[in-house]
N, C-alpha and C. Protein backbone atom coordinates (compact mmCIF):
# COMPACT_ATOMS: atom_id res chain seq x y z
N MET A 1 -10.22 0.64 -9.88
CA MET A 1 -9.42 0.77 -8.69
C MET A 1 -8.59 -0.49 -8.49
N TYR A 2 -9.19 -1.63 -8.78
CA TYR A 2 -8.46 -2.89 -8.61
C TYR A 2 -7.18 -2.88 -9.46
N GLU A 3 -7.29 -2.43 -10.71
CA GLU A 3 -6.13 -2.41 -11.60
C GLU A 3 -5.04 -1.47 -11.09
N VAL A 4 -5.44 -0.35 -10.52
CA VAL A 4 -4.47 0.60 -9.98
C VAL A 4 -3.73 -0.03 -8.80
N VAL A 5 -4.48 -0.59 -7.86
CA VAL A 5 -3.88 -1.20 -6.67
C VAL A 5 -3.01 -2.39 -7.08
N ASP A 6 -3.49 -3.19 -8.02
CA ASP A 6 -2.72 -4.35 -8.48
C ASP A 6 -1.39 -3.91 -9.10
N GLY A 7 -1.43 -2.88 -9.92
CA GLY A 7 -0.20 -2.39 -10.55
C GLY A 7 0.79 -1.85 -9.52
N LEU A 8 0.30 -1.12 -8.55
CA LEU A 8 1.17 -0.60 -7.49
C LEU A 8 1.75 -1.73 -6.66
N ALA A 9 0.90 -2.68 -6.30
CA ALA A 9 1.36 -3.80 -5.47
C ALA A 9 2.42 -4.62 -6.21
N ARG A 10 2.27 -4.78 -7.50
CA ARG A 10 3.27 -5.54 -8.27
C ARG A 10 4.64 -4.87 -8.22
N ARG A 11 4.65 -3.54 -8.28
CA ARG A 11 5.92 -2.82 -8.20
C ARG A 11 6.60 -3.07 -6.86
N VAL A 12 5.80 -3.02 -5.80
CA VAL A 12 6.35 -3.24 -4.46
C VAL A 12 6.85 -4.68 -4.32
N LEU A 13 6.03 -5.62 -4.72
CA LEU A 13 6.41 -7.03 -4.58
C LEU A 13 7.60 -7.40 -5.46
N ASP A 14 7.69 -6.82 -6.65
CA ASP A 14 8.85 -7.07 -7.50
C ASP A 14 10.14 -6.64 -6.80
N ALA A 15 10.09 -5.48 -6.14
CA ALA A 15 11.26 -4.98 -5.43
C ALA A 15 11.59 -5.88 -4.23
N VAL A 16 10.56 -6.32 -3.52
CA VAL A 16 10.77 -7.18 -2.36
C VAL A 16 11.40 -8.50 -2.78
N PHE A 17 10.82 -9.14 -3.78
CA PHE A 17 11.31 -10.46 -4.19
C PHE A 17 12.66 -10.40 -4.92
N SER A 18 12.95 -9.28 -5.57
CA SER A 18 14.24 -9.16 -6.25
C SER A 18 15.34 -8.74 -5.28
N GLY A 19 14.93 -8.18 -4.15
CA GLY A 19 15.92 -7.69 -3.19
C GLY A 19 16.57 -6.39 -3.63
N GLN A 20 15.96 -5.75 -4.62
CA GLN A 20 16.52 -4.50 -5.13
C GLN A 20 15.50 -3.38 -4.99
N PRO A 21 15.56 -2.66 -3.88
CA PRO A 21 14.62 -1.56 -3.69
C PRO A 21 14.83 -0.48 -4.74
N SER A 22 13.79 0.24 -5.02
CA SER A 22 13.88 1.33 -5.99
C SER A 22 12.97 2.46 -5.57
N SER A 23 13.21 3.63 -6.12
CA SER A 23 12.35 4.77 -5.81
C SER A 23 10.95 4.52 -6.34
N GLU A 24 10.84 3.81 -7.45
CA GLU A 24 9.52 3.48 -8.00
C GLU A 24 8.73 2.61 -7.02
N ALA A 25 9.39 1.64 -6.41
CA ALA A 25 8.71 0.77 -5.44
C ALA A 25 8.33 1.56 -4.19
N ARG A 26 9.20 2.45 -3.74
CA ARG A 26 8.87 3.27 -2.56
C ARG A 26 7.68 4.17 -2.85
N GLU A 27 7.65 4.77 -4.03
CA GLU A 27 6.53 5.64 -4.40
C GLU A 27 5.23 4.83 -4.52
N ALA A 28 5.33 3.61 -5.03
CA ALA A 28 4.16 2.74 -5.14
C ALA A 28 3.65 2.39 -3.75
N TRP A 29 4.56 2.10 -2.82
CA TRP A 29 4.18 1.78 -1.43
C TRP A 29 3.45 2.95 -0.79
N VAL A 30 3.97 4.14 -0.97
CA VAL A 30 3.32 5.33 -0.41
C VAL A 30 1.93 5.51 -1.02
N ALA A 31 1.82 5.30 -2.32
CA ALA A 31 0.52 5.42 -2.98
C ALA A 31 -0.47 4.40 -2.43
N LEU A 32 -0.02 3.17 -2.20
CA LEU A 32 -0.89 2.14 -1.63
C LEU A 32 -1.36 2.53 -0.23
N LEU A 33 -0.46 3.07 0.57
CA LEU A 33 -0.83 3.51 1.91
C LEU A 33 -1.82 4.67 1.86
N LEU A 34 -1.64 5.57 0.92
CA LEU A 34 -2.57 6.70 0.80
C LEU A 34 -3.96 6.23 0.35
N ILE A 35 -3.99 5.27 -0.55
CA ILE A 35 -5.29 4.70 -0.96
C ILE A 35 -5.96 4.05 0.24
N ALA A 36 -5.21 3.25 0.97
CA ALA A 36 -5.76 2.58 2.14
C ALA A 36 -6.21 3.61 3.19
N GLN A 37 -5.44 4.67 3.34
CA GLN A 37 -5.80 5.70 4.32
C GLN A 37 -7.14 6.32 3.95
N ASN A 38 -7.36 6.56 2.67
CA ASN A 38 -8.62 7.15 2.25
C ASN A 38 -9.80 6.19 2.42
N TRP A 39 -9.52 4.91 2.50
CA TRP A 39 -10.56 3.91 2.71
C TRP A 39 -10.57 3.44 4.16
N ARG A 40 -9.83 4.09 5.02
CA ARG A 40 -9.63 3.69 6.41
C ARG A 40 -10.93 3.42 7.16
N ASP A 41 -11.96 4.18 6.91
CA ASP A 41 -13.21 4.04 7.65
C ASP A 41 -14.19 3.06 7.01
N SER A 42 -13.78 2.45 5.91
CA SER A 42 -14.66 1.50 5.24
C SER A 42 -14.80 0.23 6.08
N PRO A 43 -16.02 -0.26 6.25
CA PRO A 43 -16.20 -1.51 7.00
C PRO A 43 -15.62 -2.72 6.26
N ASP A 44 -15.34 -2.56 4.97
CA ASP A 44 -14.79 -3.67 4.18
C ASP A 44 -13.27 -3.75 4.24
N LEU A 45 -12.61 -2.76 4.85
CA LEU A 45 -11.15 -2.78 4.96
C LEU A 45 -10.75 -3.79 6.03
N PRO A 46 -9.92 -4.76 5.68
CA PRO A 46 -9.49 -5.76 6.67
C PRO A 46 -8.82 -5.10 7.87
N SER A 47 -9.04 -5.64 9.05
CA SER A 47 -8.52 -5.03 10.27
C SER A 47 -7.00 -4.96 10.28
N ASP A 48 -6.32 -5.97 9.73
CA ASP A 48 -4.86 -5.91 9.73
C ASP A 48 -4.35 -4.80 8.81
N LEU A 49 -5.09 -4.50 7.74
CA LEU A 49 -4.70 -3.39 6.87
C LEU A 49 -4.95 -2.06 7.57
N THR A 50 -6.05 -1.98 8.31
CA THR A 50 -6.35 -0.77 9.08
C THR A 50 -5.22 -0.51 10.08
N THR A 51 -4.78 -1.54 10.77
CA THR A 51 -3.70 -1.41 11.74
C THR A 51 -2.43 -0.93 11.06
N MET A 52 -2.09 -1.52 9.93
CA MET A 52 -0.87 -1.13 9.21
C MET A 52 -0.94 0.32 8.77
N VAL A 53 -2.07 0.74 8.24
CA VAL A 53 -2.23 2.13 7.78
C VAL A 53 -2.12 3.07 8.98
N ASN A 54 -2.78 2.74 10.08
CA ASN A 54 -2.74 3.61 11.26
C ASN A 54 -1.32 3.75 11.80
N GLU A 55 -0.54 2.68 11.74
CA GLU A 55 0.84 2.75 12.22
C GLU A 55 1.76 3.48 11.24
N ALA A 56 1.51 3.33 9.95
CA ALA A 56 2.36 3.95 8.94
C ALA A 56 2.02 5.42 8.73
N LEU A 57 0.73 5.74 8.78
CA LEU A 57 0.27 7.10 8.52
C LEU A 57 -0.72 7.54 9.60
N PRO A 58 -0.24 7.77 10.80
CA PRO A 58 -1.17 8.17 11.87
C PRO A 58 -1.78 9.55 11.57
N LEU A 59 -3.00 9.72 11.99
CA LEU A 59 -3.65 11.03 11.82
C LEU A 59 -3.64 11.78 13.11
C-alpha cells in the first residue's frame, strides 16, 4: 500500500512543483482521496487528513 500511495503522491507533487497540471495528476489525486476515504475511520489516520477527506469527499 505504501508503494501505491507513494507513486500516486509523486504524480501529484510533480504536477504541483512543475506548475503543469495534468489529467494523470488529477486522477492520482482522486485515487489518493479515495484511499484516504476508505481509511477514514482508522484511528491511525491523521486528523488533518480526515478533515481534508471529509471536505473533499463528504458522505
